[in-house]
Amino acid sequence: MKCNPRNSLRLRRATSGWILLLLVLLVQTSAAEDKKSVVPEAYPRGEMLVEPRALATGGRNLVVLDARSEAAYRKGHVPGAVRVDHDTWKGAVKDGSDAEGWSRRIGALGIGPQTQVVIYDDAMSKDAARIWWILRYWGADKAALLNGGWRGWQTSQRPIELKAAAPTPEKFAAQAHTSTLTLKGQLLKDLKSKDHAPQIVDARSVGEFCGTDSKTAKRSGAMPGAKHLEWSDLLDRQTHRFKPAAQLRTLLADAGIDLKRRTVAHCQSGGRSSVMAFGLELMGADDVSNYYASWAEWGNADDTPIVKPPAKQ
């Protein structure tokens, strides 16, 4: 039987088509396998962030703190979450004294010396990070943030609760970790030292750093030699989650921030710098302090050195 040229051509075309399809499938499979093999860089201290799915499983000796307003809390919160009064805590820090008062405040929330604490807010972790920093300063070392905060909890479609929690008070003996708080007098002294001057990280906006936005301070600008990285750059503005470790490492490097150096973070009143302190520790920094009084004190004092860096292009 003679071969039909047209059938032969169709056969060749069909065969070529199958070969091309096979090659495409092989490339896609290889790409998928390569993608699976690329493991994202882990945060050096990943235990400082808790994912919604992990928090949903609960756990023994766990206290969840809601740092939002009372009105927001009453509209719905993470089941079992205890509301912490962020505004009251914010103004009670002062010079880092009053261990007796803080023992009562912290213990009243049901927090003991070994309690695991997870804090969240709806402000891109700014308020939650302040609570985290205060807890850590007073010795509640097992404190973490909910990654994504309230938005992350809602986006992951987790259950909410309307009933306010009534915590059982615990005995908490507050002990100040003084190395995590910097006061103006010490900072002035340190900045004059050539050998022991800390790395200053300014977590404010570009306008505040450059002196074009003075907020409520009578003097505007920056501390001499300060590095600038706005606090909100550490987070994804849409999801409120902290950016992946690789991105954070690049951000910090581009800002000239050395994770191995003793670092003092500041902002206007201690909240944004708490986010920065958290981010630096999350990325492995060991010696981070918060100048809690920040520019509200520095920019209104007469004995503090201030420079006006050139505006960033």
Protein backbone atom coordinates (compact mmCIF):
# COMPACT_ATOMS: atom_id res chain seq x y z
CA MET A 1 0.00 0.00 0.00
CA LYS A 2 1.32 3.42 -0.97
CA CYS A 3 1.69 6.10 1.59
CA ASN A 4 -0.59 9.08 1.36
CA PRO A 5 1.64 12.24 1.41
CA ARG A 6 -1.10 14.23 3.11
CA ASN A 7 -1.54 11.66 5.85
CA SER A 8 2.25 11.58 6.32
CA LEU A 9 2.30 15.37 6.66
CA ARG A 10 -0.53 15.27 9.18
CA LEU A 11 1.30 12.58 11.11
CA ARG A 12 4.49 14.64 11.20
CA ARG A 13 2.56 17.73 12.32
CA ALA A 14 0.73 15.78 15.02
CA THR A 15 3.97 14.24 16.21
CA SER A 16 5.66 17.66 16.31
CA GLY A 17 2.73 19.05 18.25
CA TRP A 18 2.93 16.32 20.87
CA ILE A 19 6.69 16.80 21.18
CA LEU A 20 6.22 20.56 21.65
CA LEU A 21 3.52 19.96 24.26
CA LEU A 22 5.77 17.51 26.08
CA LEU A 23 8.61 20.02 26.11
CA VAL A 24 6.31 22.72 27.51
CA LEU A 25 5.10 20.37 30.24
CA LEU A 26 8.67 19.44 31.11
CA VAL A 27 9.68 23.11 31.37
CA GLN A 28 6.65 23.93 33.53
CA THR A 29 7.30 20.95 35.79
CA SER A 30 10.95 21.90 36.14
CA ALA A 31 10.02 25.51 36.95
CA ALA A 32 7.49 24.37 39.53
CA GLU A 33 10.05 22.09 41.14
CA ASP A 34 12.61 24.92 41.19
CA LYS A 35 10.03 27.22 42.77
CA LYS A 36 9.30 24.64 45.46
CA SER A 37 13.00 24.22 46.15
CA VAL A 38 13.47 27.95 46.85
CA VAL A 39 12.83 28.32 50.56
CA PRO A 40 12.14 31.93 51.65
CA GLU A 41 14.64 33.38 54.08
CA ALA A 42 13.43 32.92 57.63
CA TYR A 43 13.32 35.72 60.17
CA PRO A 44 16.23 35.20 62.57
CA ARG A 45 13.74 35.52 65.45
CA GLY A 46 10.60 34.18 63.83
CA GLU A 47 9.04 33.39 67.20
CA MET A 48 8.37 37.12 67.61
CA LEU A 49 5.64 36.92 64.96
CA VAL A 50 2.58 34.69 65.28
CA GLU A 51 0.47 33.80 62.26
CA PRO A 52 -3.35 33.87 62.51
CA ARG A 53 -3.61 30.14 61.84
CA ALA A 54 -1.21 29.42 64.71
CA LEU A 55 -3.05 31.74 67.10
CA ALA A 56 -6.36 30.11 66.16
CA THR A 57 -5.14 26.83 67.66
CA GLY A 58 -4.79 28.52 71.07
CA GLY A 59 -2.50 27.06 73.68
CA ARG A 60 -1.85 26.81 77.36
CA ASN A 61 -0.75 29.83 79.34
CA LEU A 62 -1.59 32.19 76.47
CA VAL A 63 -2.95 35.74 76.72
CA VAL A 64 -4.05 37.63 73.62
CA LEU A 65 -4.08 41.43 73.95
CA ASP A 66 -6.21 43.72 71.78
CA ALA A 67 -4.61 47.18 71.59
CA ARG A 68 -7.45 48.82 69.63
CA SER A 69 -10.02 51.26 70.93
CA GLU A 70 -12.77 50.06 73.24
CA ALA A 71 -15.39 50.75 70.54
CA ALA A 72 -13.52 48.59 68.03
CA TYR A 73 -13.00 45.85 70.61
CA ARG A 74 -16.72 45.69 71.41
CA LYS A 75 -17.62 45.31 67.74
CA GLY A 76 -15.63 42.08 67.64
CA HIS A 77 -12.24 40.72 68.65
CA VAL A 78 -10.13 37.59 68.63
CA PRO A 79 -11.89 35.03 70.84
CA GLY A 80 -10.66 35.37 74.42
CA ALA A 81 -8.66 38.53 73.69
CA VAL A 82 -8.25 40.98 76.57
CA ARG A 83 -8.34 44.67 75.74
CA VAL A 84 -5.29 46.63 76.85
CA ASP A 85 -5.68 50.40 77.19
CA HIS A 86 -2.98 51.58 74.81
CA ASP A 87 -3.46 55.28 75.54
CA THR A 88 -3.12 54.79 79.30
CA TRP A 89 -0.02 52.65 78.89
CA LYS A 90 1.46 55.12 76.41
CA GLY A 91 1.51 57.93 78.92
CA ALA A 92 2.56 55.86 81.92
CA VAL A 93 6.05 54.90 80.71
CA LYS A 94 7.78 58.20 81.57
CA ASP A 95 11.35 57.50 82.71
CA GLY A 96 10.89 53.75 83.04
CA SER A 97 10.33 53.68 86.80
CA ASP A 98 7.32 52.59 88.91
CA ALA A 99 7.86 48.83 88.92
CA GLU A 100 5.08 48.44 91.49
CA GLY A 101 2.51 50.16 89.30
CA TRP A 102 3.51 48.16 86.24
CA SER A 103 3.39 44.93 88.20
CA ARG A 104 -0.28 45.65 88.88
CA ARG A 105 -1.08 46.75 85.32
CA ILE A 106 0.51 43.74 83.68
CA GLY A 107 -0.70 41.20 86.23
CA ALA A 108 -4.28 42.52 85.94
CA LEU A 109 -4.34 41.34 82.33
CA GLY A 110 -3.74 37.76 83.42
CA ILE A 111 -0.05 37.85 82.56
CA GLY A 112 2.38 35.93 84.74
CA PRO A 113 6.16 35.51 84.40
CA GLN A 114 5.83 32.58 81.98
CA THR A 115 2.79 33.72 80.02
CA GLN A 116 2.96 33.72 76.23
CA VAL A 117 1.48 37.04 75.05
CA VAL A 118 0.30 37.87 71.54
CA ILE A 119 -0.69 41.47 70.78
CA TYR A 120 -2.55 42.94 67.83
CA ASP A 121 -4.07 46.22 66.66
CA ASP A 122 -5.52 47.81 63.52
CA ALA A 123 -2.74 50.39 63.13
CA MET A 124 -0.09 48.44 61.18
CA SER A 125 1.28 47.15 64.51
CA LYS A 126 2.23 50.64 65.74
CA ASP A 127 0.14 50.44 68.90
CA ALA A 128 0.70 46.72 69.39
CA ALA A 129 4.48 47.20 69.09
CA ARG A 130 4.39 49.86 71.81
CA ILE A 131 2.62 47.41 74.13
CA TRP A 132 5.13 44.72 73.11
CA TRP A 133 8.03 47.01 73.93
CA ILE A 134 6.61 48.01 77.33
CA LEU A 135 5.99 44.37 78.25
CA ARG A 136 9.51 43.41 77.24
CA TYR A 137 10.96 46.34 79.17
CA TRP A 138 9.26 45.12 82.33
CA GLY A 139 10.31 41.51 81.90
CA ALA A 140 7.44 39.85 80.03
CA ASP A 141 9.87 38.20 77.66
CA LYS A 142 7.44 35.87 75.89
CA ALA A 143 5.63 38.61 73.99
CA ALA A 144 4.95 38.52 70.25
CA LEU A 145 2.89 40.31 67.61
CA LEU A 146 0.10 38.89 65.48
CA ASN A 147 1.37 39.17 61.91
CA GLY A 148 -1.12 41.27 59.98
CA GLY A 149 -2.89 42.37 63.15
CA TRP A 150 -6.67 42.62 63.13
CA ARG A 151 -6.71 42.88 59.34
CA GLY A 152 -4.78 39.63 59.08
CA TRP A 153 -7.21 37.91 61.43
CA GLN A 154 -10.21 39.06 59.39
CA THR A 155 -8.60 38.29 56.03
CA SER A 156 -7.91 34.73 57.13
CA GLN A 157 -11.61 34.45 58.03
CA ARG A 158 -11.05 33.49 61.64
CA PRO A 159 -13.88 33.57 64.18
CA ILE A 160 -14.57 36.69 66.21
CA GLU A 161 -16.13 37.21 69.62
CA LEU A 162 -18.30 40.02 70.99
CA LYS A 163 -18.20 39.23 74.70
CA ALA A 164 -15.54 41.11 76.63
CA ALA A 165 -12.97 38.86 78.29
CA ALA A 166 -12.61 38.89 82.09
CA PRO A 167 -9.00 37.87 82.81
CA THR A 168 -7.96 36.25 86.06
CA PRO A 169 -5.25 38.45 87.60
CA GLU A 170 -1.80 36.92 87.91
CA LYS A 171 1.13 37.83 90.10
CA PHE A 172 3.69 39.66 88.02
CA ALA A 173 6.87 41.16 89.45
CA ALA A 174 7.98 43.84 87.01
CA GLN A 175 11.73 44.19 86.66
CA ALA A 176 13.07 46.88 84.35
CA HIS A 177 15.36 45.85 81.51
CA THR A 178 17.11 49.20 81.52
CA SER A 179 19.26 48.44 78.48
CA THR A 180 16.16 48.63 76.27
CA LEU A 181 15.31 52.21 77.26
CA THR A 182 17.47 55.23 76.49
CA LEU A 183 17.07 58.54 78.34
CA LYS A 184 18.13 61.94 76.98
CA GLY A 185 21.02 62.48 79.38
CA GLN A 186 22.61 59.16 78.52
CA LEU A 187 22.09 59.70 74.80
CA LEU A 188 23.74 63.13 74.93
CA LYS A 189 26.72 61.57 76.69
CA ASP A 190 26.91 58.65 74.26
CA LEU A 191 26.76 60.86 71.17
CA LYS A 192 29.87 62.70 72.37
CA SER A 193 31.81 59.45 72.63
CA LYS A 194 33.88 58.47 69.60
CA ASP A 195 34.25 54.87 70.72
CA HIS A 196 30.83 54.13 72.20
CA ALA A 197 28.41 56.27 70.20
CA PRO A 198 25.34 54.19 69.28
CA GLN A 199 23.80 53.87 65.87
CA ILE A 200 20.73 56.14 65.80
CA VAL A 201 17.78 54.99 63.70
CA ASP A 202 15.12 57.63 63.03
CA ALA A 203 11.76 55.94 62.34
CA ARG A 204 9.86 59.15 61.51
CA SER A 205 8.71 60.40 58.12
CA VAL A 206 11.10 61.92 55.60
CA GLY A 207 9.64 65.36 56.29
CA GLU A 208 10.26 65.07 60.02
CA PHE A 209 13.78 63.76 59.48
CA CYS A 210 14.69 66.51 57.03
CA GLY A 211 13.13 69.21 59.20
CA THR A 212 10.34 70.26 56.84
CA ASP A 213 7.67 68.84 59.16
CA SER A 214 8.16 69.91 62.75
CA LYS A 215 5.06 68.26 64.26
CA THR A 216 4.72 69.80 67.72
CA ALA A 217 8.42 70.37 68.41
CA LYS A 218 9.88 73.87 68.46
CA ARG A 219 13.03 72.63 66.72
CA SER A 220 13.02 70.38 63.68
CA GLY A 221 15.58 68.17 62.00
CA ALA A 222 17.51 65.06 62.97
CA MET A 223 20.12 63.84 65.40
CA PRO A 224 23.70 64.05 64.11
CA GLY A 225 24.65 60.92 62.18
CA ALA A 226 21.19 59.36 62.40
CA LYS A 227 20.13 56.74 59.88
CA HIS A 228 16.63 57.13 58.50
CA LEU A 229 14.10 54.39 57.76
CA GLU A 230 10.42 55.13 58.11
CA TRP A 231 8.71 52.62 60.39
CA SER A 232 5.90 51.84 57.94
CA ASP A 233 8.41 50.67 55.32
CA LEU A 234 8.86 47.52 57.40
CA LEU A 235 5.29 46.44 56.68
CA ASP A 236 3.07 45.80 53.69
CA ARG A 237 0.50 48.61 53.68
CA GLN A 238 -2.22 46.41 52.19
CA THR A 239 -1.92 43.33 54.38
CA HIS A 240 -0.37 44.98 57.49
CA ARG A 241 2.06 42.06 57.59
CA PHE A 242 5.78 42.48 58.14
CA LYS A 243 7.64 42.23 54.88
CA PRO A 244 9.58 39.02 54.17
CA ALA A 245 12.97 38.69 55.79
CA ALA A 246 14.89 39.13 52.52
CA GLN A 247 13.10 42.42 51.82
CA LEU A 248 13.70 43.67 55.36
CA ARG A 249 17.37 42.81 55.12
CA THR A 250 17.65 44.82 51.90
CA LEU A 251 15.76 47.78 53.37
CA LEU A 252 18.00 47.88 56.41
CA ALA A 253 21.17 47.56 54.34
CA ASP A 254 20.07 50.31 51.94
CA ALA A 255 19.44 52.59 54.93
CA GLY A 256 22.96 51.89 56.19
CA ILE A 257 21.71 50.14 59.32
CA ASP A 258 24.10 47.61 60.85
CA LEU A 259 22.27 44.90 62.78
CA LYS A 260 25.42 44.12 64.76
CA ARG A 261 25.83 47.62 66.21
CA ARG A 262 24.30 48.95 69.41
CA THR A 263 21.25 50.81 68.18
CA VAL A 264 18.91 53.46 69.57
CA ALA A 265 15.62 53.94 67.73
CA HIS A 266 13.45 57.01 68.07
CA CYS A 267 10.42 58.74 66.52
CA GLN A 268 8.15 61.46 67.93
CA SER A 269 6.70 59.75 71.00
CA GLY A 270 7.91 56.16 71.19
CA GLY A 271 5.32 54.26 69.15
CA ARG A 272 6.86 54.19 65.69
CA SER A 273 10.28 53.55 67.21
CA SER A 274 8.77 50.53 68.99
CA VAL A 275 7.92 49.10 65.55
CA MET A 276 11.50 49.77 64.46
CA ALA A 277 12.90 48.14 67.60
CA PHE A 278 10.67 45.14 66.95
CA GLY A 279 11.76 44.90 63.32
CA LEU A 280 15.45 45.12 64.21
CA GLU A 281 15.15 42.38 66.82
CA LEU A 282 13.06 40.28 64.43
CA MET A 283 15.98 40.48 62.01
CA GLY A 284 18.49 39.38 64.65
CA ALA A 285 19.77 42.58 66.27
CA ASP A 286 20.89 41.92 69.85
CA ASP A 287 21.37 45.40 71.32
CA VAL A 288 18.41 47.64 70.56
CA SER A 289 17.13 50.44 72.75
CA ASN A 290 14.15 52.75 72.41
CA TYR A 291 14.59 56.47 73.08
CA TYR A 292 10.98 56.52 74.19
CA ALA A 293 10.69 60.26 74.90
CA SER A 294 11.92 60.75 71.34
CA TRP A 295 11.61 64.00 69.38
CA ALA A 296 8.82 65.30 71.63
CA GLU A 297 11.63 65.76 74.17
CA TRP A 298 14.70 66.18 71.93
CA GLY A 299 13.11 68.75 69.63
CA ASN A 300 11.81 70.85 72.51
CA ALA A 301 15.05 70.91 74.51
CA ASP A 302 17.69 73.62 74.28
CA ASP A 303 20.75 71.44 74.90
CA THR A 304 20.30 68.84 72.14
CA PRO A 305 22.33 68.85 68.89
CA ILE A 306 20.17 68.95 65.75
CA VAL A 307 21.08 68.90 62.07
CA LYS A 308 18.97 69.26 58.95
CA PRO A 309 19.88 66.53 56.45
CA PRO A 310 19.37 67.29 52.75
CA ALA A 311 16.01 66.17 51.39
CA LYS A 312 16.07 62.71 49.86
CA GLN A 313 15.80 62.62 46.08
